[in-house]
Amino acid sequence: RDDELMGCLSRIQSDTMIIAGPLAVTSPRPILTIMRLIEAWELVLWRAGVRSYQFCIDNTRHKSWLQMVEKSGLEPFSHDEQYFWFKRELRERHGR
């Protein structure tokens, strides 16, 4: 926006699975930016034939993100003292 990078989302290298992260946002409205980044990333994955991916949240640094994800209905499939791991299943949306 106005020649300023608002955020980015990449993936962690793995030969066996798709792992999202890290996600970095500098937007004054981070929730909206996060939602749009994830939507765009999921559209690319869907078009590439990917139907699920995994991500983790560092509970020691991002408790508010963990709360947001849990409020959305996702439950971690694994966790330890630091990381909570989630799997997101993709569904076709509006002909995408």
C-alpha atoms as a PDB file:
ATOM      1  CA  ARG A   1       0.000   0.000   0.000  1.00  0.00           C
ATOM      2  CA  ASP A   2       1.441   3.355  -1.053  1.00  0.00           C
ATOM      3  CA  ASP A   3       4.676   1.543  -2.042  1.00  0.00           C
ATOM      4  CA  GLU A   4       5.007   0.064   1.453  1.00  0.00           C
ATOM      5  CA  LEU A   5       5.097  -3.654   2.180  1.00  0.00           C
ATOM      6  CA  MET A   6       2.270  -4.473   4.614  1.00  0.00           C
ATOM      7  CA  GLY A   7       3.113  -8.127   5.223  1.00  0.00           C
ATOM      8  CA  CYS A   8       4.350 -11.377   3.782  1.00  0.00           C
ATOM      9  CA  LEU A   9       3.685 -15.096   4.137  1.00  0.00           C
ATOM     10  CA  SER A  10       6.094 -17.780   3.013  1.00  0.00           C
ATOM     11  CA  ARG A  11       6.643 -21.466   3.659  1.00  0.00           C
ATOM     12  CA  ILE A  12       9.115 -23.562   5.597  1.00  0.00           C
ATOM     13  CA  GLN A  13      11.095 -25.987   3.436  1.00  0.00           C
ATOM     14  CA  SER A  14       9.974 -29.605   3.789  1.00  0.00           C
ATOM     15  CA  ASP A  15      10.092 -32.534   1.367  1.00  0.00           C
ATOM     16  CA  THR A  16       7.098 -34.264   2.949  1.00  0.00           C
ATOM     17  CA  MET A  17       4.518 -31.558   3.682  1.00  0.00           C
ATOM     18  CA  ILE A  18       3.451 -27.949   3.096  1.00  0.00           C
ATOM     19  CA  ILE A  19       4.253 -25.814   6.152  1.00  0.00           C
ATOM     20  CA  ALA A  20       3.127 -22.179   6.229  1.00  0.00           C
ATOM     21  CA  GLY A  21       5.358 -19.609   7.848  1.00  0.00           C
ATOM     22  CA  PRO A  22       6.679 -17.287   8.771  1.00  0.00           C
ATOM     23  CA  LEU A  23       3.953 -14.658   8.609  1.00  0.00           C
ATOM     24  CA  ALA A  24       5.051 -11.073   9.186  1.00  0.00           C
ATOM     25  CA  VAL A  25       2.748  -8.046   9.239  1.00  0.00           C
ATOM     26  CA  THR A  26       3.464  -4.322   9.676  1.00  0.00           C
ATOM     27  CA  SER A  27      -0.012  -3.130   8.786  1.00  0.00           C
ATOM     28  CA  PRO A  28      -1.918  -0.678  10.981  1.00  0.00           C
ATOM     29  CA  ARG A  29      -4.845  -3.127  10.603  1.00  0.00           C
ATOM     30  CA  PRO A  30      -3.051  -6.460  11.066  1.00  0.00           C
ATOM     31  CA  ILE A  31      -6.112  -8.723  11.207  1.00  0.00           C
ATOM     32  CA  LEU A  32      -7.318  -7.627   7.775  1.00  0.00           C
ATOM     33  CA  THR A  33      -3.824  -7.972   6.294  1.00  0.00           C
ATOM     34  CA  ILE A  34      -3.381 -11.432   7.842  1.00  0.00           C
ATOM     35  CA  MET A  35      -6.734 -12.591   6.457  1.00  0.00           C
ATOM     36  CA  ARG A  36      -5.947 -11.339   2.938  1.00  0.00           C
ATOM     37  CA  LEU A  37      -2.453 -12.909   2.939  1.00  0.00           C
ATOM     38  CA  ILE A  38      -3.840 -16.264   4.042  1.00  0.00           C
ATOM     39  CA  GLU A  39      -6.670 -16.112   1.479  1.00  0.00           C
ATOM     40  CA  ALA A  40      -4.215 -15.382  -1.345  1.00  0.00           C
ATOM     41  CA  TRP A  41      -1.809 -18.105  -0.186  1.00  0.00           C
ATOM     42  CA  GLU A  42      -4.608 -20.669   0.070  1.00  0.00           C
ATOM     43  CA  LEU A  43      -5.848 -19.804  -3.422  1.00  0.00           C
ATOM     44  CA  VAL A  44      -2.374 -20.468  -4.851  1.00  0.00           C
ATOM     45  CA  LEU A  45      -2.180 -23.766  -2.942  1.00  0.00           C
ATOM     46  CA  TRP A  46      -5.654 -24.820  -4.133  1.00  0.00           C
ATOM     47  CA  ARG A  47      -4.824 -24.069  -7.770  1.00  0.00           C
ATOM     48  CA  ALA A  48      -1.615 -26.094  -7.384  1.00  0.00           C
ATOM     49  CA  GLY A  49      -3.649 -29.088  -6.197  1.00  0.00           C
ATOM     50  CA  VAL A  50      -2.757 -28.831  -2.508  1.00  0.00           C
ATOM     51  CA  ARG A  51      -5.679 -29.608  -0.182  1.00  0.00           C
ATOM     52  CA  SER A  52      -4.107 -29.092   3.251  1.00  0.00           C
ATOM     53  CA  TYR A  53      -1.144 -27.463   4.963  1.00  0.00           C
ATOM     54  CA  GLN A  54       0.280 -27.152   8.443  1.00  0.00           C
ATOM     55  CA  PHE A  55       1.430 -24.220  10.532  1.00  0.00           C
ATOM     56  CA  CYS A  56       2.583 -23.585  14.061  1.00  0.00           C
ATOM     57  CA  ILE A  57       2.264 -20.727  16.515  1.00  0.00           C
ATOM     58  CA  ASP A  58       4.936 -19.924  19.059  1.00  0.00           C
ATOM     59  CA  ASN A  59       2.937 -19.791  22.286  1.00  0.00           C
ATOM     60  CA  THR A  60       5.763 -18.028  24.130  1.00  0.00           C
ATOM     61  CA  ARG A  61       5.706 -15.056  21.732  1.00  0.00           C
ATOM     62  CA  HIS A  62       2.263 -14.963  20.070  1.00  0.00           C
ATOM     63  CA  LYS A  63      -0.432 -15.867  22.580  1.00  0.00           C
ATOM     64  CA  SER A  64      -2.911 -13.499  20.906  1.00  0.00           C
ATOM     65  CA  TRP A  65      -2.455 -15.263  17.536  1.00  0.00           C
ATOM     66  CA  LEU A  66      -3.019 -18.601  19.238  1.00  0.00           C
ATOM     67  CA  GLN A  67      -6.275 -17.295  20.717  1.00  0.00           C
ATOM     68  CA  MET A  68      -7.432 -15.998  17.302  1.00  0.00           C
ATOM     69  CA  VAL A  69      -6.789 -19.343  15.617  1.00  0.00           C
ATOM     70  CA  GLU A  70      -8.527 -21.285  18.366  1.00  0.00           C
ATOM     71  CA  LYS A  71     -11.544 -18.933  18.163  1.00  0.00           C
ATOM     72  CA  SER A  72     -11.784 -19.756  14.453  1.00  0.00           C
ATOM     73  CA  GLY A  73     -12.448 -23.371  15.422  1.00  0.00           C
ATOM     74  CA  LEU A  74      -9.084 -24.957  14.611  1.00  0.00           C
ATOM     75  CA  GLU A  75      -7.630 -27.177  17.297  1.00  0.00           C
ATOM     76  CA  PRO A  76      -3.951 -28.081  17.516  1.00  0.00           C
ATOM     77  CA  PHE A  77      -3.050 -31.631  16.536  1.00  0.00           C
ATOM     78  CA  SER A  78       0.207 -31.411  18.503  1.00  0.00           C
ATOM     79  CA  HIS A  79       1.973 -29.091  20.933  1.00  0.00           C
ATOM     80  CA  ASP A  80       4.846 -28.785  23.348  1.00  0.00           C
ATOM     81  CA  GLU A  81       5.859 -26.022  25.749  1.00  0.00           C
ATOM     82  CA  GLN A  82       6.605 -23.605  22.908  1.00  0.00           C
ATOM     83  CA  TYR A  83       4.742 -24.564  19.716  1.00  0.00           C
ATOM     84  CA  PHE A  84       1.134 -25.399  18.862  1.00  0.00           C
ATOM     85  CA  TRP A  85       0.776 -27.191  15.497  1.00  0.00           C
ATOM     86  CA  PHE A  86      -2.348 -26.919  13.342  1.00  0.00           C
ATOM     87  CA  LYS A  87      -3.507 -28.521  10.098  1.00  0.00           C
ATOM     88  CA  ARG A  88      -5.741 -26.542   7.775  1.00  0.00           C
ATOM     89  CA  GLU A  89      -7.891 -28.423   5.272  1.00  0.00           C
ATOM     90  CA  LEU A  90      -8.696 -26.398   2.153  1.00  0.00           C
ATOM     91  CA  ARG A  91     -12.141 -26.411   0.584  1.00  0.00           C
ATOM     92  CA  GLU A  92     -13.182 -25.054  -2.773  1.00  0.00           C
ATOM     93  CA  ARG A  93     -14.631 -21.575  -2.448  1.00  0.00           C
ATOM     94  CA  HIS A  94     -16.809 -19.808  -5.021  1.00  0.00           C
ATOM     95  CA  GLY A  95     -15.441 -21.623  -8.018  1.00  0.00           C
ATOM     96  CA  ARG A  96     -11.791 -21.040  -7.134  1.00  0.00           C
END
